[in-house]
Amino acid sequence: MKYFWVILVIGLLLVVGCGNKASTGNINTAAVITSDSTLDTPTDSIKEFNVVAKQWEFIPDTISVKKGDTVKLNLKSVDVVHGFKINEFNIDEKLNPGEEVTVTFVADKTGVFTFFCNVPCGEGHKEMKGTLIVN
């Protein structure tokens, strides 16, 4: 009975080991990546930020993400009508007081980008800016 189990195990190992068709010696060179290769792939990461607009600032005023990140911004004005615009990502939203607007986009380019209020909201309107950093 002892030999039966040994022979059974050896037989299973042979069947499993020899049954793999991928070991034909052929290498699919299209799937080989060398250390010299650079890949520019998305990180498949979602970064979510709550951004408050109030006279005359955005909180937070700096947002940092990685290239390829999906960015979700929950925008809310707490006092008067404001705007939120990032030219490079075609974002242009009107923010009514007390209402939340959600914007989702892919940070597909690296750089430092300015977001700003594009709705006249008072004497400090021109200084109402923030920075989006995409590394």
N, C-alpha and C. Protein backbone atom coordinates (compact mmCIF):
# COMPACT_ATOMS: atom_id res chain seq x y z
N MET A 1 0.83 -1.19 0.00
CA MET A 1 0.00 0.00 0.00
C MET A 1 0.87 1.25 0.00
N LYS A 2 2.02 1.16 0.67
CA LYS A 2 2.94 2.28 0.75
C LYS A 2 3.47 2.62 -0.64
N TYR A 3 3.79 1.59 -1.43
CA TYR A 3 4.30 1.81 -2.77
C TYR A 3 3.23 2.40 -3.70
N PHE A 4 2.01 2.06 -3.44
CA PHE A 4 0.90 2.58 -4.23
C PHE A 4 0.87 4.11 -4.16
N TRP A 5 0.99 4.67 -2.96
CA TRP A 5 0.96 6.12 -2.76
C TRP A 5 2.18 6.80 -3.38
N VAL A 6 3.32 6.18 -3.26
CA VAL A 6 4.53 6.75 -3.86
C VAL A 6 4.40 6.79 -5.38
N ILE A 7 3.93 5.70 -5.96
CA ILE A 7 3.77 5.64 -7.41
C ILE A 7 2.69 6.63 -7.87
N LEU A 8 1.63 6.77 -7.11
CA LEU A 8 0.55 7.71 -7.44
C LEU A 8 1.07 9.15 -7.43
N VAL A 9 1.83 9.51 -6.42
CA VAL A 9 2.37 10.87 -6.33
C VAL A 9 3.35 11.14 -7.48
N ILE A 10 4.23 10.19 -7.76
CA ILE A 10 5.19 10.36 -8.86
C ILE A 10 4.45 10.48 -10.19
N GLY A 11 3.43 9.66 -10.36
CA GLY A 11 2.63 9.71 -11.59
C GLY A 11 1.94 11.06 -11.76
N LEU A 12 1.38 11.58 -10.68
CA LEU A 12 0.72 12.89 -10.74
C LEU A 12 1.72 14.00 -11.07
N LEU A 13 2.90 13.92 -10.47
CA LEU A 13 3.93 14.92 -10.75
C LEU A 13 4.35 14.89 -12.22
N LEU A 14 4.46 13.69 -12.77
CA LEU A 14 4.83 13.56 -14.18
C LEU A 14 3.74 14.12 -15.09
N VAL A 15 2.50 13.83 -14.77
CA VAL A 15 1.39 14.32 -15.59
C VAL A 15 1.32 15.84 -15.54
N VAL A 16 1.42 16.40 -14.36
CA VAL A 16 1.35 17.85 -14.21
C VAL A 16 2.56 18.52 -14.84
N GLY A 17 3.73 18.00 -14.61
CA GLY A 17 4.96 18.59 -15.15
C GLY A 17 5.08 18.48 -16.65
N CYS A 18 4.64 17.41 -17.22
CA CYS A 18 4.78 17.20 -18.66
C CYS A 18 3.59 17.74 -19.44
N GLY A 19 2.53 18.04 -18.78
CA GLY A 19 1.32 18.49 -19.46
C GLY A 19 1.31 19.97 -19.76
N ASN A 20 2.32 20.71 -19.41
CA ASN A 20 2.36 22.15 -19.62
C ASN A 20 2.86 22.45 -21.02
N LYS A 21 2.00 22.95 -21.90
CA LYS A 21 2.36 23.24 -23.28
C LYS A 21 3.20 24.50 -23.40
N ALA A 22 3.26 25.32 -22.37
CA ALA A 22 4.02 26.57 -22.43
C ALA A 22 5.52 26.32 -22.39
N SER A 23 5.94 25.13 -22.08
CA SER A 23 7.37 24.86 -21.97
C SER A 23 7.93 24.30 -23.27
N THR A 24 7.54 24.89 -24.41
CA THR A 24 7.99 24.41 -25.70
C THR A 24 9.33 25.00 -26.10
N GLY A 25 9.85 25.92 -25.32
CA GLY A 25 11.13 26.54 -25.65
C GLY A 25 10.97 27.82 -26.44
N ASN A 26 9.77 28.13 -26.91
CA ASN A 26 9.53 29.36 -27.64
C ASN A 26 9.24 30.48 -26.66
N ILE A 27 9.84 31.63 -26.91
CA ILE A 27 9.61 32.79 -26.05
C ILE A 27 8.88 33.84 -26.86
N ASN A 28 7.80 34.33 -26.33
CA ASN A 28 7.05 35.40 -26.98
C ASN A 28 7.77 36.71 -26.69
N THR A 29 8.58 37.18 -27.63
CA THR A 29 9.40 38.37 -27.40
C THR A 29 8.56 39.63 -27.29
N ALA A 30 7.34 39.61 -27.76
CA ALA A 30 6.50 40.80 -27.65
C ALA A 30 6.13 41.07 -26.20
N ALA A 31 6.19 40.07 -25.36
CA ALA A 31 5.81 40.25 -23.97
C ALA A 31 7.01 40.49 -23.07
N VAL A 32 8.20 40.51 -23.63
CA VAL A 32 9.40 40.70 -22.83
C VAL A 32 9.67 42.18 -22.67
N ILE A 33 9.84 42.63 -21.43
CA ILE A 33 10.14 44.02 -21.13
C ILE A 33 11.53 44.07 -20.54
N THR A 34 12.39 44.85 -21.14
CA THR A 34 13.75 44.97 -20.62
C THR A 34 13.83 46.13 -19.65
N SER A 35 14.93 46.20 -18.92
CA SER A 35 15.10 47.28 -17.96
C SER A 35 15.27 48.62 -18.65
N ASP A 36 15.57 48.62 -19.96
CA ASP A 36 15.70 49.86 -20.70
C ASP A 36 14.34 50.39 -21.15
N SER A 37 13.31 49.58 -21.06
CA SER A 37 11.99 49.99 -21.49
C SER A 37 11.38 50.94 -20.48
N THR A 38 10.63 51.91 -20.98
CA THR A 38 9.88 52.78 -20.08
C THR A 38 8.43 52.65 -20.46
N LEU A 39 7.62 52.46 -19.48
CA LEU A 39 6.19 52.33 -19.69
C LEU A 39 5.50 53.54 -19.11
N ASP A 40 4.55 54.07 -19.82
CA ASP A 40 3.79 55.22 -19.36
C ASP A 40 2.35 54.77 -19.18
N THR A 41 2.12 54.05 -18.09
CA THR A 41 0.81 53.47 -17.86
C THR A 41 0.14 54.16 -16.69
N PRO A 42 -1.17 54.25 -16.69
CA PRO A 42 -1.88 54.85 -15.58
C PRO A 42 -1.68 54.05 -14.30
N THR A 43 -1.78 54.74 -13.19
CA THR A 43 -1.60 54.08 -11.91
C THR A 43 -2.91 53.46 -11.41
N ASP A 44 -4.00 53.71 -12.13
CA ASP A 44 -5.31 53.17 -11.75
C ASP A 44 -5.66 53.51 -10.31
N SER A 45 -5.29 54.68 -9.89
CA SER A 45 -5.55 55.10 -8.52
C SER A 45 -6.54 56.26 -8.55
N ILE A 46 -7.51 56.24 -7.64
CA ILE A 46 -8.47 57.34 -7.53
C ILE A 46 -8.08 58.19 -6.34
N LYS A 47 -7.89 59.46 -6.60
CA LYS A 47 -7.56 60.43 -5.56
C LYS A 47 -8.75 61.36 -5.41
N GLU A 48 -9.29 61.42 -4.20
CA GLU A 48 -10.48 62.23 -3.95
C GLU A 48 -10.15 63.38 -3.02
N PHE A 49 -10.64 64.57 -3.36
CA PHE A 49 -10.39 65.77 -2.58
C PHE A 49 -11.69 66.54 -2.39
N ASN A 50 -11.89 67.05 -1.19
CA ASN A 50 -12.98 67.97 -0.91
C ASN A 50 -12.40 69.37 -0.97
N VAL A 51 -12.91 70.19 -1.88
CA VAL A 51 -12.39 71.54 -2.08
C VAL A 51 -13.49 72.53 -1.73
N VAL A 52 -13.18 73.44 -0.81
CA VAL A 52 -14.11 74.47 -0.40
C VAL A 52 -13.70 75.79 -1.05
N ALA A 53 -14.66 76.46 -1.65
CA ALA A 53 -14.44 77.78 -2.22
C ALA A 53 -15.12 78.79 -1.31
N LYS A 54 -14.36 79.80 -0.89
CA LYS A 54 -14.93 80.89 -0.11
C LYS A 54 -14.13 82.14 -0.42
N GLN A 55 -14.72 83.28 -0.16
CA GLN A 55 -14.03 84.52 -0.51
C GLN A 55 -12.72 84.61 0.22
N TRP A 56 -11.68 84.68 -0.37
CA TRP A 56 -11.25 84.61 -1.74
C TRP A 56 -10.16 83.58 -1.81
N GLU A 57 -10.54 82.35 -1.53
CA GLU A 57 -9.56 81.25 -1.49
C GLU A 57 -10.22 79.91 -1.76
N PHE A 58 -9.37 78.96 -2.09
CA PHE A 58 -9.76 77.56 -2.18
C PHE A 58 -9.05 76.82 -1.06
N ILE A 59 -9.76 75.93 -0.39
CA ILE A 59 -9.16 75.10 0.67
C ILE A 59 -9.41 73.65 0.30
N PRO A 60 -8.36 72.86 0.04
CA PRO A 60 -6.94 73.22 0.01
C PRO A 60 -6.62 74.02 -1.25
N ASP A 61 -5.51 74.75 -1.20
CA ASP A 61 -5.12 75.53 -2.37
C ASP A 61 -4.05 74.83 -3.20
N THR A 62 -3.60 73.67 -2.74
CA THR A 62 -2.65 72.85 -3.51
C THR A 62 -3.11 71.40 -3.49
N ILE A 63 -3.18 70.81 -4.67
CA ILE A 63 -3.58 69.41 -4.82
C ILE A 63 -2.47 68.71 -5.61
N SER A 64 -1.95 67.61 -5.07
CA SER A 64 -0.88 66.86 -5.73
C SER A 64 -1.35 65.44 -6.05
N VAL A 65 -1.14 65.03 -7.30
CA VAL A 65 -1.50 63.68 -7.75
C VAL A 65 -0.40 63.16 -8.67
N LYS A 66 -0.53 61.91 -9.05
CA LYS A 66 0.41 61.30 -9.99
C LYS A 66 -0.24 61.21 -11.36
N LYS A 67 0.61 61.27 -12.39
CA LYS A 67 0.11 61.11 -13.75
C LYS A 67 -0.59 59.76 -13.87
N GLY A 68 -1.77 59.78 -14.46
CA GLY A 68 -2.56 58.57 -14.61
C GLY A 68 -3.61 58.40 -13.54
N ASP A 69 -3.49 59.15 -12.44
CA ASP A 69 -4.50 59.07 -11.39
C ASP A 69 -5.84 59.57 -11.90
N THR A 70 -6.90 58.93 -11.45
CA THR A 70 -8.23 59.48 -11.63
C THR A 70 -8.45 60.42 -10.45
N VAL A 71 -8.78 61.65 -10.75
CA VAL A 71 -8.94 62.68 -9.72
C VAL A 71 -10.42 62.98 -9.58
N LYS A 72 -10.90 62.92 -8.35
CA LYS A 72 -12.29 63.24 -8.06
C LYS A 72 -12.29 64.44 -7.11
N LEU A 73 -12.88 65.54 -7.57
CA LEU A 73 -12.95 66.75 -6.77
C LEU A 73 -14.40 67.00 -6.38
N ASN A 74 -14.64 67.08 -5.08
CA ASN A 74 -15.95 67.45 -4.56
C ASN A 74 -15.86 68.93 -4.22
N LEU A 75 -16.48 69.76 -5.04
CA LEU A 75 -16.36 71.21 -4.95
C LEU A 75 -17.58 71.80 -4.27
N LYS A 76 -17.34 72.77 -3.36
CA LYS A 76 -18.46 73.38 -2.66
C LYS A 76 -18.13 74.83 -2.32
N SER A 77 -19.05 75.72 -2.64
CA SER A 77 -18.94 77.12 -2.22
C SER A 77 -19.73 77.28 -0.93
N VAL A 78 -19.16 78.02 0.01
CA VAL A 78 -19.85 78.19 1.29
C VAL A 78 -20.39 79.60 1.49
N ASP A 79 -20.16 80.51 0.53
CA ASP A 79 -20.64 81.87 0.76
C ASP A 79 -21.39 82.46 -0.44
N VAL A 80 -20.73 82.68 -1.55
CA VAL A 80 -21.35 83.27 -2.73
C VAL A 80 -21.08 82.36 -3.93
N VAL A 81 -21.60 82.75 -5.08
CA VAL A 81 -21.34 81.98 -6.30
C VAL A 81 -19.87 82.14 -6.68
N HIS A 82 -19.21 81.01 -6.91
CA HIS A 82 -17.83 80.98 -7.37
C HIS A 82 -17.75 80.11 -8.62
N GLY A 83 -16.60 80.10 -9.22
CA GLY A 83 -16.33 79.20 -10.34
C GLY A 83 -15.10 78.38 -10.01
N PHE A 84 -14.92 77.29 -10.74
CA PHE A 84 -13.73 76.46 -10.60
C PHE A 84 -13.32 76.06 -12.00
N LYS A 85 -12.11 76.49 -12.39
CA LYS A 85 -11.68 76.23 -13.76
C LYS A 85 -10.22 75.79 -13.78
N ILE A 86 -9.95 74.72 -14.57
CA ILE A 86 -8.59 74.29 -14.89
C ILE A 86 -8.56 74.17 -16.42
N ASN A 87 -7.95 75.12 -17.07
CA ASN A 87 -7.96 75.15 -18.54
C ASN A 87 -7.41 73.88 -19.16
N GLU A 88 -6.29 73.39 -18.65
CA GLU A 88 -5.59 72.27 -19.27
C GLU A 88 -6.37 70.95 -19.22
N PHE A 89 -7.36 70.86 -18.34
CA PHE A 89 -8.16 69.64 -18.22
C PHE A 89 -9.63 69.88 -18.60
N ASN A 90 -9.88 71.02 -19.23
CA ASN A 90 -11.23 71.37 -19.70
C ASN A 90 -12.27 71.31 -18.59
N ILE A 91 -11.90 71.79 -17.42
CA ILE A 91 -12.84 71.82 -16.29
C ILE A 91 -13.31 73.25 -16.11
N ASP A 92 -14.62 73.44 -16.08
CA ASP A 92 -15.21 74.76 -15.93
C ASP A 92 -16.56 74.58 -15.24
N GLU A 93 -16.60 74.84 -13.94
CA GLU A 93 -17.81 74.60 -13.16
C GLU A 93 -18.26 75.85 -12.43
N LYS A 94 -19.56 76.01 -12.31
CA LYS A 94 -20.15 77.07 -11.50
C LYS A 94 -20.53 76.46 -10.16
N LEU A 95 -20.16 77.13 -9.08
CA LEU A 95 -20.43 76.61 -7.74
C LEU A 95 -21.41 77.53 -7.02
N ASN A 96 -22.64 77.06 -6.89
CA ASN A 96 -23.64 77.82 -6.14
C ASN A 96 -23.47 77.55 -4.65
N PRO A 97 -23.74 78.56 -3.81
CA PRO A 97 -23.55 78.38 -2.37
C PRO A 97 -24.34 77.18 -1.82
N GLY A 98 -23.65 76.36 -1.05
CA GLY A 98 -24.28 75.22 -0.39
C GLY A 98 -24.46 73.99 -1.26
N GLU A 99 -24.23 74.09 -2.55
CA GLU A 99 -24.38 72.95 -3.45
C GLU A 99 -23.03 72.32 -3.74
N GLU A 100 -22.98 71.00 -3.79
CA GLU A 100 -21.73 70.31 -4.10
C GLU A 100 -21.73 69.89 -5.57
N VAL A 101 -20.62 70.14 -6.22
CA VAL A 101 -20.41 69.72 -7.61
C VAL A 101 -19.23 68.75 -7.61
N THR A 102 -19.41 67.61 -8.25
CA THR A 102 -18.33 66.62 -8.33
C THR A 102 -17.76 66.61 -9.75
N VAL A 103 -16.44 66.70 -9.82
CA VAL A 103 -15.72 66.67 -11.09
C VAL A 103 -14.75 65.50 -11.04
N THR A 104 -14.76 64.68 -12.07
CA THR A 104 -13.83 63.55 -12.16
C THR A 104 -13.08 63.64 -13.49
N PHE A 105 -11.76 63.48 -13.42
CA PHE A 105 -10.95 63.51 -14.63
C PHE A 105 -9.69 62.69 -14.41
N VAL A 106 -9.02 62.37 -15.49
CA VAL A 106 -7.75 61.65 -15.43
C VAL A 106 -6.63 62.66 -15.60
N ALA A 107 -5.69 62.65 -14.66
CA ALA A 107 -4.53 63.54 -14.73
C ALA A 107 -3.55 62.93 -15.73
N ASP A 108 -3.78 63.21 -17.01
CA ASP A 108 -3.02 62.54 -18.07
C ASP A 108 -1.83 63.34 -18.58
N LYS A 109 -1.51 64.44 -17.92
CA LYS A 109 -0.32 65.21 -18.29
C LYS A 109 0.37 65.70 -17.04
N THR A 110 1.70 65.71 -17.08
CA THR A 110 2.45 66.18 -15.92
C THR A 110 2.65 67.69 -16.01
N GLY A 111 2.82 68.28 -14.83
CA GLY A 111 3.08 69.71 -14.78
C GLY A 111 2.44 70.35 -13.57
N VAL A 112 2.55 71.67 -13.54
CA VAL A 112 1.93 72.47 -12.49
C VAL A 112 0.86 73.32 -13.17
N PHE A 113 -0.37 73.16 -12.72
CA PHE A 113 -1.51 73.80 -13.36
C PHE A 113 -2.24 74.67 -12.34
N THR A 114 -2.75 75.80 -12.81
CA THR A 114 -3.48 76.71 -11.93
C THR A 114 -4.97 76.45 -12.05
N PHE A 115 -5.64 76.32 -10.89
CA PHE A 115 -7.10 76.35 -10.91
C PHE A 115 -7.50 77.69 -10.30
N PHE A 116 -8.64 78.19 -10.75
CA PHE A 116 -9.01 79.54 -10.34
C PHE A 116 -10.52 79.73 -10.40
N CYS A 117 -10.97 80.77 -9.70
CA CYS A 117 -12.37 81.16 -9.75
C CYS A 117 -12.57 82.00 -11.01
N ASN A 118 -13.52 81.60 -11.83
CA ASN A 118 -13.80 82.33 -13.07
C ASN A 118 -15.16 83.01 -13.05
N VAL A 119 -15.71 83.20 -11.85
CA VAL A 119 -16.96 83.93 -11.68
C VAL A 119 -16.65 85.11 -10.75
N PRO A 120 -16.83 86.36 -11.22
CA PRO A 120 -16.54 87.51 -10.35
C PRO A 120 -17.28 87.38 -9.02
N CYS A 121 -16.50 87.42 -7.93
CA CYS A 121 -17.08 87.16 -6.61
C CYS A 121 -16.71 88.23 -5.58
N GLY A 122 -16.11 89.31 -6.02
CA GLY A 122 -15.77 90.37 -5.08
C GLY A 122 -14.37 90.88 -5.31
N GLU A 123 -13.94 91.74 -4.39
CA GLU A 123 -12.67 92.45 -4.57
C GLU A 123 -11.44 91.54 -4.62
N GLY A 124 -11.45 90.36 -4.01
CA GLY A 124 -10.31 89.46 -4.02
C GLY A 124 -10.39 88.38 -5.09
N HIS A 125 -11.32 88.53 -6.00
CA HIS A 125 -11.58 87.50 -7.02
C HIS A 125 -10.33 87.12 -7.81
N LYS A 126 -9.54 88.09 -8.21
CA LYS A 126 -8.37 87.81 -9.06
C LYS A 126 -7.30 87.01 -8.33
N GLU A 127 -7.30 87.02 -7.01
CA GLU A 127 -6.31 86.26 -6.23
C GLU A 127 -6.82 84.87 -5.84
N MET A 128 -8.03 84.54 -6.23
CA MET A 128 -8.63 83.26 -5.84
C MET A 128 -8.13 82.16 -6.77
N LYS A 129 -6.97 81.60 -6.40
CA LYS A 129 -6.30 80.61 -7.23
C LYS A 129 -5.76 79.47 -6.38
N GLY A 130 -5.47 78.37 -7.04
CA GLY A 130 -4.82 77.24 -6.40
C GLY A 130 -3.94 76.53 -7.41
N THR A 131 -3.28 75.48 -6.96
CA THR A 131 -2.32 74.77 -7.80
C THR A 131 -2.61 73.28 -7.81
N LEU A 132 -2.65 72.71 -9.02
CA LEU A 132 -2.73 71.27 -9.22
C LEU A 132 -1.36 70.82 -9.70
N ILE A 133 -0.73 69.92 -8.95
CA ILE A 133 0.58 69.39 -9.31
C ILE A 133 0.41 67.94 -9.74
N VAL A 134 0.84 67.63 -10.95
CA VAL A 134 0.76 66.26 -11.47
C VAL A 134 2.19 65.79 -11.73
N ASN A 135 2.65 64.80 -10.97
CA ASN A 135 4.00 64.25 -11.12
C ASN A 135 3.98 62.99 -11.95
